[in-house]
Amino acid sequence: MKENRQYRIDIYGLKLGIHEFDFEFDRKLFENIEDSVIESGHGKCSVTLDKKETLISMNFKIEGVIELICDRSLEPFDYPIDIEENLIVKYGEELDDSRDDLLVISNTQESINVESNIYEYLTIAVPMKRIHPDFQDEEDDDENEVALVYTSENAEADEKEDDDAIDPRWAALKNIKDLKN
């Protein structure tokens, strides 16, 4: 992802305490990413940053609308987003972003770019089934239906035969169990 300067927070000159930053996102956020689940979108992200001596606590509040493609009809539709996520930023010797909720940055880093965090939080908010609101009622009907299972007329006879064809070792164990009772 090519770094966009509009999502940069300069942490070097910040005093200890709470600071607030507001960012707006639009389709440009999603254009640079290949095979993005999100086609486009727009909204606002408020970041509340609490700078302490050894770490920085960041609270992301993202509200907006993202455009998704329906899995059933392949039509685009708008999906409302209202997300709140937290990120802890610690100082260390080298960059480590392997955990979702913890970012380790070097002691000499002067700024944090939150563009990738915003994109990741939006992507995580995308539902597994992307169903257009026009088809939402049909989806609910499918969940209430009873699944039909094919059975033959001889199914009960087959079960009885299975009970009769018990391995003799298991039959002996069953007899021991019956003796205890």
C-alpha atoms as a PDB file:
ATOM      1  CA  MET A   1       0.000   0.000   0.000  1.00  0.00           C
ATOM      2  CA  LYS A   2       1.429   3.357  -1.039  1.00  0.00           C
ATOM      3  CA  GLU A   3       1.555   5.664   1.985  1.00  0.00           C
ATOM      4  CA  ASN A   4      -0.870   8.580   1.875  1.00  0.00           C
ATOM      5  CA  ARG A   5       0.275  11.636   3.832  1.00  0.00           C
ATOM      6  CA  GLN A   6      -3.256  12.697   4.808  1.00  0.00           C
ATOM      7  CA  TYR A   7      -3.459   9.788   7.302  1.00  0.00           C
ATOM      8  CA  ARG A   8      -0.196  10.606   9.070  1.00  0.00           C
ATOM      9  CA  ILE A   9      -0.065  11.541  12.763  1.00  0.00           C
ATOM     10  CA  ASP A  10       3.112  13.282  13.918  1.00  0.00           C
ATOM     11  CA  ILE A  11       3.850  11.816  17.346  1.00  0.00           C
ATOM     12  CA  TYR A  12       7.302  13.320  17.862  1.00  0.00           C
ATOM     13  CA  GLY A  13       6.111  16.764  18.960  1.00  0.00           C
ATOM     14  CA  LEU A  14       2.984  15.652  20.848  1.00  0.00           C
ATOM     15  CA  LYS A  15       2.822  16.328  24.565  1.00  0.00           C
ATOM     16  CA  LEU A  16       1.772  13.609  26.966  1.00  0.00           C
ATOM     17  CA  GLY A  17      -1.995  13.326  27.258  1.00  0.00           C
ATOM     18  CA  ILE A  18      -5.060  12.913  25.064  1.00  0.00           C
ATOM     19  CA  HIS A  19      -5.183  14.225  21.486  1.00  0.00           C
ATOM     20  CA  GLU A  20      -7.915  13.885  18.856  1.00  0.00           C
ATOM     21  CA  PHE A  21      -7.524  13.558  15.097  1.00  0.00           C
ATOM     22  CA  ASP A  22     -10.207  13.397  12.414  1.00  0.00           C
ATOM     23  CA  PHE A  23      -9.746  11.763   9.019  1.00  0.00           C
ATOM     24  CA  GLU A  24     -12.075  11.330   6.076  1.00  0.00           C
ATOM     25  CA  PHE A  25     -11.875   8.405   3.699  1.00  0.00           C
ATOM     26  CA  ASP A  26     -13.290   7.896   0.213  1.00  0.00           C
ATOM     27  CA  ARG A  27     -12.761   5.623  -2.793  1.00  0.00           C
ATOM     28  CA  LYS A  28      -9.068   6.617  -2.954  1.00  0.00           C
ATOM     29  CA  LEU A  29      -8.425   4.532   0.162  1.00  0.00           C
ATOM     30  CA  PHE A  30      -9.483   1.366  -1.700  1.00  0.00           C
ATOM     31  CA  GLU A  31      -8.060   2.120  -5.172  1.00  0.00           C
ATOM     32  CA  ASN A  32      -4.452   1.253  -4.322  1.00  0.00           C
ATOM     33  CA  ILE A  33      -5.306  -2.215  -3.014  1.00  0.00           C
ATOM     34  CA  GLU A  34      -5.515  -5.107  -5.438  1.00  0.00           C
ATOM     35  CA  ASP A  35      -8.334  -7.610  -4.928  1.00  0.00           C
ATOM     36  CA  SER A  36      -9.994  -5.492  -2.263  1.00  0.00           C
ATOM     37  CA  VAL A  37     -13.260  -6.851  -0.883  1.00  0.00           C
ATOM     38  CA  ILE A  38     -14.538  -3.270  -0.696  1.00  0.00           C
ATOM     39  CA  GLU A  39     -15.239  -1.523  -4.002  1.00  0.00           C
ATOM     40  CA  SER A  40     -15.402   2.008  -2.600  1.00  0.00           C
ATOM     41  CA  GLY A  41     -16.796   3.945   0.315  1.00  0.00           C
ATOM     42  CA  HIS A  42     -16.793   7.165   2.250  1.00  0.00           C
ATOM     43  CA  GLY A  43     -16.937   8.232   5.855  1.00  0.00           C
ATOM     44  CA  LYS A  44     -15.111   9.645   8.834  1.00  0.00           C
ATOM     45  CA  CYS A  45     -12.610   8.234  11.275  1.00  0.00           C
ATOM     46  CA  SER A  46     -11.955   9.844  14.643  1.00  0.00           C
ATOM     47  CA  VAL A  47      -8.766   8.782  16.390  1.00  0.00           C
ATOM     48  CA  THR A  48      -8.376   9.504  20.091  1.00  0.00           C
ATOM     49  CA  LEU A  49      -4.699   9.205  20.940  1.00  0.00           C
ATOM     50  CA  ASP A  50      -3.515   8.950  24.544  1.00  0.00           C
ATOM     51  CA  LYS A  51       0.266   9.480  24.635  1.00  0.00           C
ATOM     52  CA  LYS A  52       2.106   8.186  27.678  1.00  0.00           C
ATOM     53  CA  GLU A  53       5.815   7.907  28.350  1.00  0.00           C
ATOM     54  CA  THR A  54       6.182   4.263  27.297  1.00  0.00           C
ATOM     55  CA  LEU A  55       3.228   3.696  24.970  1.00  0.00           C
ATOM     56  CA  ILE A  56       0.468   5.257  22.921  1.00  0.00           C
ATOM     57  CA  SER A  57      -3.134   4.119  23.147  1.00  0.00           C
ATOM     58  CA  MET A  58      -5.273   4.786  20.061  1.00  0.00           C
ATOM     59  CA  ASN A  59      -9.061   4.472  19.837  1.00  0.00           C
ATOM     60  CA  PHE A  60     -10.516   4.403  16.302  1.00  0.00           C
ATOM     61  CA  LYS A  61     -14.179   5.364  15.771  1.00  0.00           C
ATOM     62  CA  ILE A  62     -15.151   4.807  12.130  1.00  0.00           C
ATOM     63  CA  GLU A  63     -18.549   5.715  10.676  1.00  0.00           C
ATOM     64  CA  GLY A  64     -19.546   5.669   7.055  1.00  0.00           C
ATOM     65  CA  VAL A  65     -20.744   3.599   4.135  1.00  0.00           C
ATOM     66  CA  ILE A  66     -18.816   1.072   2.057  1.00  0.00           C
ATOM     67  CA  GLU A  67     -19.828  -0.333  -1.300  1.00  0.00           C
ATOM     68  CA  LEU A  68     -19.921  -4.123  -1.546  1.00  0.00           C
ATOM     69  CA  ILE A  69     -20.874  -6.575  -4.289  1.00  0.00           C
ATOM     70  CA  CYS A  70     -23.777  -8.891  -3.483  1.00  0.00           C
ATOM     71  CA  ASP A  71     -22.820 -12.582  -3.451  1.00  0.00           C
ATOM     72  CA  ARG A  72     -26.212 -13.552  -4.860  1.00  0.00           C
ATOM     73  CA  SER A  73     -27.014 -10.949  -7.532  1.00  0.00           C
ATOM     74  CA  LEU A  74     -23.541  -9.413  -8.142  1.00  0.00           C
ATOM     75  CA  GLU A  75     -25.106  -5.969  -7.790  1.00  0.00           C
ATOM     76  CA  PRO A  76     -23.307  -3.256  -5.811  1.00  0.00           C
ATOM     77  CA  PHE A  77     -24.939  -2.012  -2.614  1.00  0.00           C
ATOM     78  CA  ASP A  78     -24.105   0.353   0.248  1.00  0.00           C
ATOM     79  CA  TYR A  79     -23.317  -1.204   3.622  1.00  0.00           C
ATOM     80  CA  PRO A  80     -23.362   1.074   6.713  1.00  0.00           C
ATOM     81  CA  ILE A  81     -20.316   0.949   8.992  1.00  0.00           C
ATOM     82  CA  ASP A  82     -20.030   1.873  12.666  1.00  0.00           C
ATOM     83  CA  ILE A  83     -16.804   0.506  14.162  1.00  0.00           C
ATOM     84  CA  GLU A  84     -14.822   1.127  17.316  1.00  0.00           C
ATOM     85  CA  GLU A  85     -11.346  -0.442  17.637  1.00  0.00           C
ATOM     86  CA  ASN A  86      -8.334   0.011  19.918  1.00  0.00           C
ATOM     87  CA  LEU A  87      -4.632  -0.146  19.099  1.00  0.00           C
ATOM     88  CA  ILE A  88      -1.676  -0.015  21.487  1.00  0.00           C
ATOM     89  CA  VAL A  89       1.570   1.406  20.102  1.00  0.00           C
ATOM     90  CA  LYS A  90       4.741   0.578  22.044  1.00  0.00           C
ATOM     91  CA  TYR A  91       8.290   1.715  21.522  1.00  0.00           C
ATOM     92  CA  GLY A  92      10.882  -0.944  20.723  1.00  0.00           C
ATOM     93  CA  GLU A  93      14.046  -1.576  18.786  1.00  0.00           C
ATOM     94  CA  GLU A  94      12.399  -2.614  15.504  1.00  0.00           C
ATOM     95  CA  LEU A  95       9.019  -2.514  13.780  1.00  0.00           C
ATOM     96  CA  ASP A  96       6.645  -5.363  14.668  1.00  0.00           C
ATOM     97  CA  ASP A  97       3.086  -5.338  13.373  1.00  0.00           C
ATOM     98  CA  SER A  98       2.388  -9.063  13.689  1.00  0.00           C
ATOM     99  CA  ARG A  99      -0.431  -8.619  16.250  1.00  0.00           C
ATOM    100  CA  ASP A 100      -3.767  -6.981  15.488  1.00  0.00           C
ATOM    101  CA  ASP A 101      -4.045  -4.939  18.664  1.00  0.00           C
ATOM    102  CA  LEU A 102      -0.363  -4.103  19.256  1.00  0.00           C
ATOM    103  CA  LEU A 103       2.105  -2.206  17.082  1.00  0.00           C
ATOM    104  CA  VAL A 104       5.769  -1.898  18.040  1.00  0.00           C
ATOM    105  CA  ILE A 105       7.605   1.062  16.498  1.00  0.00           C
ATOM    106  CA  SER A 106      11.209   2.192  16.800  1.00  0.00           C
ATOM    107  CA  ASN A 107      12.168   4.852  19.322  1.00  0.00           C
ATOM    108  CA  THR A 108      13.223   7.184  16.514  1.00  0.00           C
ATOM    109  CA  GLN A 109       9.960   7.042  14.528  1.00  0.00           C
ATOM    110  CA  GLU A 110       8.434  10.509  14.259  1.00  0.00           C
ATOM    111  CA  SER A 111       4.983   9.690  12.844  1.00  0.00           C
ATOM    112  CA  ILE A 112       2.369   6.956  12.524  1.00  0.00           C
ATOM    113  CA  ASN A 113       0.357   6.433   9.353  1.00  0.00           C
ATOM    114  CA  VAL A 114      -3.112   5.062  10.212  1.00  0.00           C
ATOM    115  CA  GLU A 115      -4.252   4.457   6.615  1.00  0.00           C
ATOM    116  CA  SER A 116      -3.626   0.700   6.743  1.00  0.00           C
ATOM    117  CA  ASN A 117      -5.334   0.453  10.147  1.00  0.00           C
ATOM    118  CA  ILE A 118      -8.464   2.169   8.829  1.00  0.00           C
ATOM    119  CA  TYR A 119      -8.513  -0.113   5.783  1.00  0.00           C
ATOM    120  CA  GLU A 120      -8.037  -3.242   7.915  1.00  0.00           C
ATOM    121  CA  TYR A 121     -10.802  -2.267  10.341  1.00  0.00           C
ATOM    122  CA  LEU A 122     -13.182  -1.616   7.430  1.00  0.00           C
ATOM    123  CA  THR A 123     -12.293  -4.940   5.820  1.00  0.00           C
ATOM    124  CA  ILE A 124     -12.860  -6.836   9.068  1.00  0.00           C
ATOM    125  CA  ALA A 125     -16.333  -5.254   9.321  1.00  0.00           C
ATOM    126  CA  VAL A 126     -17.417  -6.775   5.988  1.00  0.00           C
ATOM    127  CA  PRO A 127     -19.895  -9.613   6.666  1.00  0.00           C
ATOM    128  CA  MET A 128     -19.104 -13.161   5.517  1.00  0.00           C
ATOM    129  CA  LYS A 129     -22.251 -13.218   3.396  1.00  0.00           C
ATOM    130  CA  ARG A 130     -22.596 -10.025   1.417  1.00  0.00           C
ATOM    131  CA  ILE A 131     -26.330  -9.973   0.628  1.00  0.00           C
ATOM    132  CA  HIS A 132     -28.044  -7.001  -1.031  1.00  0.00           C
ATOM    133  CA  PRO A 133     -30.788  -5.516   1.194  1.00  0.00           C
ATOM    134  CA  ASP A 134     -33.374  -6.438  -1.478  1.00  0.00           C
ATOM    135  CA  PHE A 135     -32.573 -10.119  -0.865  1.00  0.00           C
ATOM    136  CA  GLN A 136     -32.240  -9.898   2.927  1.00  0.00           C
ATOM    137  CA  ASP A 137     -35.813 -11.132   3.521  1.00  0.00           C
ATOM    138  CA  GLU A 138     -35.213 -14.165   1.312  1.00  0.00           C
ATOM    139  CA  GLU A 139     -32.067 -14.990   3.294  1.00  0.00           C
ATOM    140  CA  ASP A 140     -34.056 -14.978   6.545  1.00  0.00           C
ATOM    141  CA  ASP A 141     -36.628 -17.350   5.020  1.00  0.00           C
ATOM    142  CA  ASP A 142     -33.877 -19.816   4.065  1.00  0.00           C
ATOM    143  CA  GLU A 143     -32.650 -20.020   7.659  1.00  0.00           C
ATOM    144  CA  ASN A 144     -36.117 -20.947   9.000  1.00  0.00           C
ATOM    145  CA  GLU A 145     -36.701 -23.791   6.543  1.00  0.00           C
ATOM    146  CA  VAL A 146     -36.393 -27.382   7.695  1.00  0.00           C
ATOM    147  CA  ALA A 147     -33.818 -29.421   5.828  1.00  0.00           C
ATOM    148  CA  LEU A 148     -35.274 -32.519   4.179  1.00  0.00           C
ATOM    149  CA  VAL A 149     -33.378 -35.764   4.447  1.00  0.00           C
ATOM    150  CA  TYR A 150     -33.993 -38.666   2.077  1.00  0.00           C
ATOM    151  CA  THR A 151     -34.834 -41.939   3.764  1.00  0.00           C
ATOM    152  CA  SER A 152     -35.785 -45.236   2.253  1.00  0.00           C
ATOM    153  CA  GLU A 153     -38.588 -47.517   3.420  1.00  0.00           C
ATOM    154  CA  ASN A 154     -35.991 -50.010   4.564  1.00  0.00           C
ATOM    155  CA  ALA A 155     -34.161 -47.532   6.808  1.00  0.00           C
ATOM    156  CA  GLU A 156     -35.640 -48.958  10.021  1.00  0.00           C
ATOM    157  CA  ALA A 157     -34.850 -52.496   8.945  1.00  0.00           C
ATOM    158  CA  ASP A 158     -31.256 -51.462   8.147  1.00  0.00           C
ATOM    159  CA  GLU A 159     -30.856 -49.971  11.637  1.00  0.00           C
ATOM    160  CA  LYS A 160     -32.165 -53.165  13.240  1.00  0.00           C
ATOM    161  CA  GLU A 161     -29.720 -55.249  11.190  1.00  0.00           C
ATOM    162  CA  ASP A 162     -26.860 -52.989  12.328  1.00  0.00           C
ATOM    163  CA  ASP A 163     -27.817 -53.581  15.968  1.00  0.00           C
ATOM    164  CA  ASP A 164     -27.897 -57.341  15.360  1.00  0.00           C
ATOM    165  CA  ALA A 165     -24.480 -57.296  13.642  1.00  0.00           C
ATOM    166  CA  ILE A 166     -22.579 -56.007  16.667  1.00  0.00           C
ATOM    167  CA  ASP A 167     -18.958 -57.076  16.971  1.00  0.00           C
ATOM    168  CA  PRO A 168     -18.819 -59.978  19.486  1.00  0.00           C
ATOM    169  CA  ARG A 169     -16.182 -58.158  21.559  1.00  0.00           C
ATOM    170  CA  TRP A 170     -18.576 -55.238  22.064  1.00  0.00           C
ATOM    171  CA  ALA A 171     -21.403 -57.641  22.868  1.00  0.00           C
ATOM    172  CA  ALA A 172     -19.269 -59.163  25.632  1.00  0.00           C
ATOM    173  CA  LEU A 173     -18.589 -55.696  27.048  1.00  0.00           C
ATOM    174  CA  LYS A 174     -22.274 -54.886  26.892  1.00  0.00           C
ATOM    175  CA  ASN A 175     -23.011 -58.020  28.926  1.00  0.00           C
ATOM    176  CA  ILE A 176     -20.519 -56.915  31.595  1.00  0.00           C
ATOM    177  CA  LYS A 177     -22.241 -53.541  31.763  1.00  0.00           C
ATOM    178  CA  ASP A 178     -25.609 -55.210  32.186  1.00  0.00           C
ATOM    179  CA  LEU A 179     -24.249 -57.351  35.056  1.00  0.00           C
ATOM    180  CA  LYS A 180     -23.225 -54.231  37.031  1.00  0.00           C
ATOM    181  CA  ASN A 181     -26.787 -52.894  36.891  1.00  0.00           C
END
